[in-house]
Structure formats: structure tokens, C-alpha cells
């Protein structure tokens, strides 16, 4: 893989925090999957729709990386997510990338 996936992951968290749906589209593989404690979506349109739903239901959302580990084509990130400026969620993301540096899988876990 040519790109540094840790840098791509940091860009992903920034793009997500900006609620930039078009930016996310550029980062995702067409067959991207998203799974968390509430969502299980497959395919870029379905995953983008799930993100748009999140964005429309919050005033602000800031994904702040606390620790990031990259190995092969995976990034594991411990995040502090601040919703609407005051609600804090602790989340661990496991993000998988393809050989082109596109995100093919995001699995998010609370805790």
C-alpha cells in the first residue's frame, strides 16, 4: 500500500468531524461496510446515508484520536467523541484499508 494509512485515518476522523459527506465518499471503497453498536451497513450509499443520519441528528461531533496503532492494512484508534460540545463517548475504531488506501471496513466499539 502506497499511502500511510495512519495519516489517512487521521484525515478520516477530521472529515467525519467536519460532517463532510463528500469527503467521506472520496475516502470509502464502493463496497465499504460500517458496523457499530446500532448500525450494520454495507455498500457506499448505505454507509454514507448512515453517516448523514448521524450528522443531521447532532449539532456537532468531534472525533478526537487518543491513540492510534497501524498494522498491515488496519488502523486501531482509541477515540474520544464529543457530541454537541458536551456529551463524551469513548470509542475504539478498527478500520481496514484496501491496497489503494480506501476504507473498506469500519467497526466501532464503545468502551
N, C-alpha and C. Protein backbone atom coordinates (compact mmCIF):
# COMPACT_ATOMS: atom_id res chain seq x y z
N UNK A 1 0.86 -1.18 0.00
CA UNK A 1 0.00 0.00 0.00
C UNK A 1 0.90 1.24 0.00
N UNK A 2 0.60 2.16 -0.89
CA UNK A 2 1.44 3.35 -1.05
C UNK A 2 1.23 4.37 0.05
N UNK A 3 0.01 4.58 0.41
CA UNK A 3 -0.31 5.66 1.36
C UNK A 3 -0.06 5.22 2.80
N UNK A 4 0.21 6.18 3.65
CA UNK A 4 0.35 5.91 5.07
C UNK A 4 -1.06 5.85 5.67
N UNK A 5 -1.50 4.66 6.05
CA UNK A 5 -2.88 4.51 6.49
C UNK A 5 -3.16 5.25 7.80
N UNK A 6 -2.15 5.46 8.60
CA UNK A 6 -2.35 6.23 9.83
C UNK A 6 -2.74 7.67 9.48
N UNK A 7 -2.07 8.25 8.48
CA UNK A 7 -2.41 9.60 8.02
C UNK A 7 -3.80 9.64 7.41
N UNK A 8 -4.15 8.61 6.65
CA UNK A 8 -5.48 8.55 6.05
C UNK A 8 -6.54 8.46 7.15
N UNK A 9 -6.26 7.67 8.19
CA UNK A 9 -7.21 7.55 9.30
C UNK A 9 -7.39 8.90 9.99
N UNK A 10 -6.31 9.63 10.21
CA UNK A 10 -6.42 10.96 10.83
C UNK A 10 -7.25 11.89 9.96
N UNK A 11 -7.06 11.80 8.66
CA UNK A 11 -7.86 12.60 7.73
C UNK A 11 -9.32 12.18 7.79
N UNK A 12 -9.57 10.88 7.92
CA UNK A 12 -10.95 10.38 8.05
C UNK A 12 -11.63 10.97 9.29
N UNK A 13 -10.94 10.96 10.44
CA UNK A 13 -11.54 11.50 11.66
C UNK A 13 -11.84 12.99 11.52
N UNK A 14 -10.94 13.72 10.85
CA UNK A 14 -11.15 15.15 10.61
C UNK A 14 -12.35 15.37 9.69
N UNK A 15 -12.42 14.59 8.62
CA UNK A 15 -13.51 14.71 7.65
C UNK A 15 -14.84 14.36 8.31
N UNK A 16 -14.85 13.31 9.14
CA UNK A 16 -16.05 12.92 9.88
C UNK A 16 -16.48 14.05 10.82
N UNK A 17 -15.52 14.63 11.55
CA UNK A 17 -15.82 15.70 12.50
C UNK A 17 -16.36 16.94 11.80
N UNK A 18 -15.94 17.15 10.57
CA UNK A 18 -16.44 18.28 9.77
C UNK A 18 -17.81 17.99 9.16
N UNK A 19 -18.30 16.76 9.35
CA UNK A 19 -19.57 16.31 8.78
C UNK A 19 -19.56 16.47 7.25
N UNK A 20 -18.41 16.14 6.66
CA UNK A 20 -18.18 16.32 5.23
C UNK A 20 -18.50 15.02 4.49
N UNK A 21 -19.74 14.88 4.06
CA UNK A 21 -20.19 13.64 3.43
C UNK A 21 -19.48 13.39 2.10
N UNK A 22 -19.20 14.46 1.34
CA UNK A 22 -18.49 14.29 0.06
C UNK A 22 -17.05 13.86 0.28
N UNK A 23 -16.44 14.38 1.33
CA UNK A 23 -15.09 13.96 1.69
C UNK A 23 -15.05 12.49 2.08
N UNK A 24 -16.06 12.05 2.83
CA UNK A 24 -16.13 10.64 3.20
C UNK A 24 -16.30 9.77 1.96
N UNK A 25 -17.13 10.22 1.02
CA UNK A 25 -17.34 9.46 -0.23
C UNK A 25 -15.99 9.18 -0.91
N UNK A 26 -15.13 10.19 -0.93
CA UNK A 26 -13.82 10.04 -1.57
C UNK A 26 -12.92 9.04 -0.83
N UNK A 27 -13.13 8.89 0.46
CA UNK A 27 -12.27 8.02 1.27
C UNK A 27 -12.73 6.57 1.28
N UNK A 28 -14.00 6.33 0.95
CA UNK A 28 -14.58 4.99 1.05
C UNK A 28 -14.47 4.22 -0.26
N UNK A 29 -14.21 2.93 -0.14
CA UNK A 29 -14.34 1.99 -1.24
C UNK A 29 -15.82 1.79 -1.52
N UNK A 30 -16.18 1.47 -2.74
CA UNK A 30 -17.59 1.26 -3.09
C UNK A 30 -18.27 0.18 -2.25
N UNK A 31 -17.48 -0.79 -1.77
CA UNK A 31 -18.04 -1.90 -1.00
C UNK A 31 -17.82 -1.76 0.51
N UNK A 32 -17.59 -0.54 0.96
CA UNK A 32 -17.32 -0.26 2.37
C UNK A 32 -18.44 -0.83 3.26
N UNK A 33 -18.04 -1.27 4.46
CA UNK A 33 -19.01 -1.70 5.46
C UNK A 33 -18.80 -0.89 6.74
N UNK A 34 -19.90 -0.72 7.47
CA UNK A 34 -19.88 0.02 8.73
C UNK A 34 -20.68 -0.75 9.75
N UNK A 35 -20.04 -1.04 10.89
CA UNK A 35 -20.73 -1.72 11.98
C UNK A 35 -20.37 -1.06 13.29
N UNK A 36 -21.41 -0.71 14.05
CA UNK A 36 -21.20 -0.26 15.42
C UNK A 36 -22.28 -0.85 16.29
N UNK A 37 -22.49 -0.29 17.47
CA UNK A 37 -23.45 -0.85 18.41
C UNK A 37 -24.90 -0.64 17.97
N UNK A 38 -25.15 0.22 16.97
CA UNK A 38 -26.50 0.46 16.46
C UNK A 38 -26.66 0.18 14.97
N UNK A 39 -25.58 0.20 14.23
CA UNK A 39 -25.62 0.20 12.77
C UNK A 39 -24.87 -1.00 12.21
N UNK A 40 -25.40 -1.55 11.10
CA UNK A 40 -24.69 -2.57 10.32
C UNK A 40 -25.04 -2.33 8.87
N UNK A 41 -24.18 -1.61 8.14
CA UNK A 41 -24.48 -1.21 6.76
C UNK A 41 -23.40 -1.72 5.82
N UNK A 42 -23.83 -1.97 4.58
CA UNK A 42 -22.90 -2.45 3.55
C UNK A 42 -23.11 -1.64 2.28
N UNK A 43 -22.01 -1.26 1.64
CA UNK A 43 -22.06 -0.51 0.39
C UNK A 43 -21.97 0.98 0.66
N UNK A 44 -21.33 1.69 -0.26
CA UNK A 44 -21.02 3.10 -0.04
C UNK A 44 -22.26 3.96 0.18
N UNK A 45 -23.32 3.75 -0.60
CA UNK A 45 -24.51 4.60 -0.44
C UNK A 45 -25.17 4.38 0.92
N UNK A 46 -25.23 3.13 1.35
CA UNK A 46 -25.84 2.81 2.63
C UNK A 46 -25.01 3.37 3.80
N UNK A 47 -23.69 3.27 3.69
CA UNK A 47 -22.80 3.78 4.74
C UNK A 47 -22.85 5.31 4.78
N UNK A 48 -22.86 5.94 3.61
CA UNK A 48 -22.96 7.40 3.58
C UNK A 48 -24.29 7.87 4.16
N UNK A 49 -25.37 7.17 3.86
CA UNK A 49 -26.68 7.52 4.40
C UNK A 49 -26.68 7.41 5.92
N UNK A 50 -26.05 6.38 6.46
CA UNK A 50 -25.96 6.21 7.91
C UNK A 50 -25.18 7.37 8.53
N UNK A 51 -24.07 7.78 7.90
CA UNK A 51 -23.30 8.91 8.40
C UNK A 51 -24.10 10.20 8.32
N UNK A 52 -24.79 10.41 7.22
CA UNK A 52 -25.61 11.61 7.05
C UNK A 52 -26.69 11.67 8.13
N UNK A 53 -27.27 10.54 8.47
CA UNK A 53 -28.28 10.48 9.52
C UNK A 53 -27.68 10.91 10.87
N UNK A 54 -26.47 10.45 11.15
CA UNK A 54 -25.78 10.86 12.38
C UNK A 54 -25.57 12.38 12.36
N UNK A 55 -25.04 12.89 11.25
CA UNK A 55 -24.72 14.31 11.13
C UNK A 55 -25.96 15.19 11.29
N UNK A 56 -27.09 14.74 10.76
CA UNK A 56 -28.32 15.52 10.82
C UNK A 56 -28.94 15.53 12.21
N UNK A 57 -28.53 14.58 13.05
CA UNK A 57 -29.12 14.48 14.38
C UNK A 57 -28.26 15.07 15.49
N UNK A 58 -27.14 15.71 15.12
CA UNK A 58 -26.29 16.37 16.10
C UNK A 58 -25.90 17.75 15.60
N UNK A 59 -25.69 18.67 16.53
CA UNK A 59 -25.20 20.00 16.15
C UNK A 59 -23.73 19.92 15.78
N UNK A 60 -22.99 19.15 16.57
CA UNK A 60 -21.56 18.97 16.30
C UNK A 60 -21.13 17.59 16.76
N UNK A 61 -20.08 17.09 16.13
CA UNK A 61 -19.50 15.81 16.52
C UNK A 61 -18.00 15.89 16.24
N UNK A 62 -17.20 15.66 17.26
CA UNK A 62 -15.75 15.75 17.13
C UNK A 62 -15.13 14.42 17.53
N UNK A 63 -14.50 13.77 16.56
CA UNK A 63 -13.79 12.51 16.80
C UNK A 63 -12.32 12.86 17.07
N UNK A 64 -11.91 12.70 18.31
CA UNK A 64 -10.57 13.11 18.73
C UNK A 64 -9.74 11.86 19.05
N UNK A 65 -8.76 11.55 18.19
CA UNK A 65 -7.92 10.37 18.43
C UNK A 65 -7.09 10.52 19.70
N UNK A 66 -7.09 9.48 20.51
CA UNK A 66 -6.28 9.44 21.73
C UNK A 66 -5.04 8.58 21.51
N UNK A 67 -5.23 7.46 20.84
CA UNK A 67 -4.15 6.54 20.49
C UNK A 67 -4.47 5.91 19.15
N UNK A 68 -3.45 5.75 18.31
CA UNK A 68 -3.63 5.10 17.01
C UNK A 68 -2.51 4.11 16.80
N UNK A 69 -2.90 2.91 16.41
CA UNK A 69 -1.95 1.85 16.09
C UNK A 69 -2.27 1.37 14.68
N UNK A 70 -1.24 1.27 13.84
CA UNK A 70 -1.46 0.74 12.50
C UNK A 70 -0.63 -0.53 12.31
N UNK A 71 -1.23 -1.48 11.64
CA UNK A 71 -0.58 -2.76 11.39
C UNK A 71 -1.12 -3.31 10.08
N UNK A 72 -0.23 -3.59 9.14
CA UNK A 72 -0.61 -4.08 7.82
C UNK A 72 -1.63 -3.12 7.20
N UNK A 73 -2.83 -3.59 6.93
CA UNK A 73 -3.85 -2.73 6.31
C UNK A 73 -4.94 -2.32 7.31
N UNK A 74 -4.61 -2.34 8.60
CA UNK A 74 -5.57 -1.97 9.65
C UNK A 74 -5.06 -0.80 10.49
N UNK A 75 -6.01 0.02 10.95
CA UNK A 75 -5.75 1.03 11.96
C UNK A 75 -6.70 0.78 13.11
N UNK A 76 -6.17 0.79 14.31
CA UNK A 76 -6.96 0.71 15.53
C UNK A 76 -6.82 2.05 16.23
N UNK A 77 -7.95 2.69 16.50
CA UNK A 77 -7.90 4.02 17.08
C UNK A 77 -8.81 4.13 18.29
N UNK A 78 -8.22 4.56 19.39
CA UNK A 78 -8.99 4.89 20.58
C UNK A 78 -9.41 6.35 20.43
N UNK A 79 -10.71 6.59 20.49
CA UNK A 79 -11.25 7.93 20.24
C UNK A 79 -12.04 8.45 21.41
N UNK A 80 -12.00 9.76 21.54
CA UNK A 80 -12.94 10.47 22.40
C UNK A 80 -13.84 11.21 21.42
N UNK A 81 -15.13 10.92 21.44
CA UNK A 81 -16.08 11.58 20.55
C UNK A 81 -16.94 12.51 21.38
N UNK A 82 -16.88 13.79 21.04
CA UNK A 82 -17.64 14.81 21.74
C UNK A 82 -18.84 15.18 20.88
N UNK A 83 -20.04 14.95 21.41
CA UNK A 83 -21.28 15.23 20.69
C UNK A 83 -21.91 16.48 21.28
N UNK A 84 -22.23 17.42 20.40
CA UNK A 84 -22.88 18.68 20.78
C UNK A 84 -22.11 19.45 21.85
N UNK A 85 -20.79 19.28 21.85
CA UNK A 85 -19.95 20.05 22.74
C UNK A 85 -19.86 19.57 24.17
N UNK A 86 -20.72 18.59 24.57
CA UNK A 86 -20.69 18.21 25.99
C UNK A 86 -20.81 16.72 26.26
N UNK A 87 -21.43 15.95 25.39
CA UNK A 87 -21.57 14.51 25.62
C UNK A 87 -20.32 13.80 25.10
N UNK A 88 -19.67 13.01 25.97
CA UNK A 88 -18.45 12.33 25.59
C UNK A 88 -18.68 10.83 25.46
N UNK A 89 -18.26 10.28 24.34
CA UNK A 89 -18.29 8.83 24.11
C UNK A 89 -16.86 8.34 23.96
N UNK A 90 -16.57 7.20 24.56
CA UNK A 90 -15.28 6.56 24.37
C UNK A 90 -15.51 5.42 23.38
N UNK A 91 -14.74 5.44 22.29
CA UNK A 91 -14.96 4.51 21.18
C UNK A 91 -13.61 3.98 20.70
N UNK A 92 -13.62 2.74 20.26
CA UNK A 92 -12.47 2.17 19.55
C UNK A 92 -12.93 1.82 18.14
N UNK A 93 -12.22 2.36 17.15
CA UNK A 93 -12.49 2.05 15.75
C UNK A 93 -11.43 1.09 15.23
N UNK A 94 -11.88 0.10 14.47
CA UNK A 94 -10.98 -0.77 13.72
C UNK A 94 -11.30 -0.50 12.25
N UNK A 95 -10.35 0.08 11.55
CA UNK A 95 -10.56 0.49 10.16
C UNK A 95 -9.64 -0.33 9.26
N UNK A 96 -10.24 -0.91 8.22
CA UNK A 96 -9.47 -1.69 7.26
C UNK A 96 -9.41 -0.94 5.94
N UNK A 97 -8.23 -0.98 5.32
CA UNK A 97 -7.98 -0.28 4.07
C UNK A 97 -7.65 -1.28 2.95
N UNK A 98 -8.00 -0.91 1.71
CA UNK A 98 -7.59 -1.73 0.58
C UNK A 98 -6.22 -1.27 0.09
N UNK A 99 -5.71 -1.88 -0.97
CA UNK A 99 -4.37 -1.58 -1.47
C UNK A 99 -4.26 -0.16 -2.05
N UNK A 100 -5.39 0.47 -2.33
CA UNK A 100 -5.40 1.85 -2.86
C UNK A 100 -5.54 2.89 -1.74
N UNK A 101 -5.61 2.44 -0.49
CA UNK A 101 -5.75 3.37 0.63
C UNK A 101 -7.18 3.80 0.89
N UNK A 102 -8.14 3.12 0.27
CA UNK A 102 -9.56 3.41 0.51
C UNK A 102 -10.04 2.58 1.70
N UNK A 103 -10.97 3.14 2.46
CA UNK A 103 -11.53 2.44 3.61
C UNK A 103 -12.53 1.39 3.12
N UNK A 104 -12.32 0.14 3.54
CA UNK A 104 -13.25 -0.93 3.15
C UNK A 104 -14.08 -1.44 4.31
N UNK A 105 -13.67 -1.13 5.53
CA UNK A 105 -14.43 -1.59 6.68
C UNK A 105 -14.15 -0.70 7.89
N UNK A 106 -15.24 -0.35 8.59
CA UNK A 106 -15.14 0.37 9.85
C UNK A 106 -15.97 -0.40 10.87
N UNK A 107 -15.32 -0.79 11.95
CA UNK A 107 -16.02 -1.44 13.06
C UNK A 107 -15.75 -0.58 14.29
N UNK A 108 -16.83 -0.09 14.91
CA UNK A 108 -16.71 0.80 16.07
C UNK A 108 -17.28 0.11 17.29
N UNK A 109 -16.54 0.24 18.39
CA UNK A 109 -16.94 -0.40 19.65
C UNK A 109 -16.92 0.63 20.76
N UNK A 110 -17.96 0.64 21.59
CA UNK A 110 -17.97 1.53 22.76
C UNK A 110 -17.02 0.98 23.81
N UNK A 111 -16.42 1.92 24.54
CA UNK A 111 -15.63 1.46 25.68
C UNK A 111 -14.22 1.97 25.70
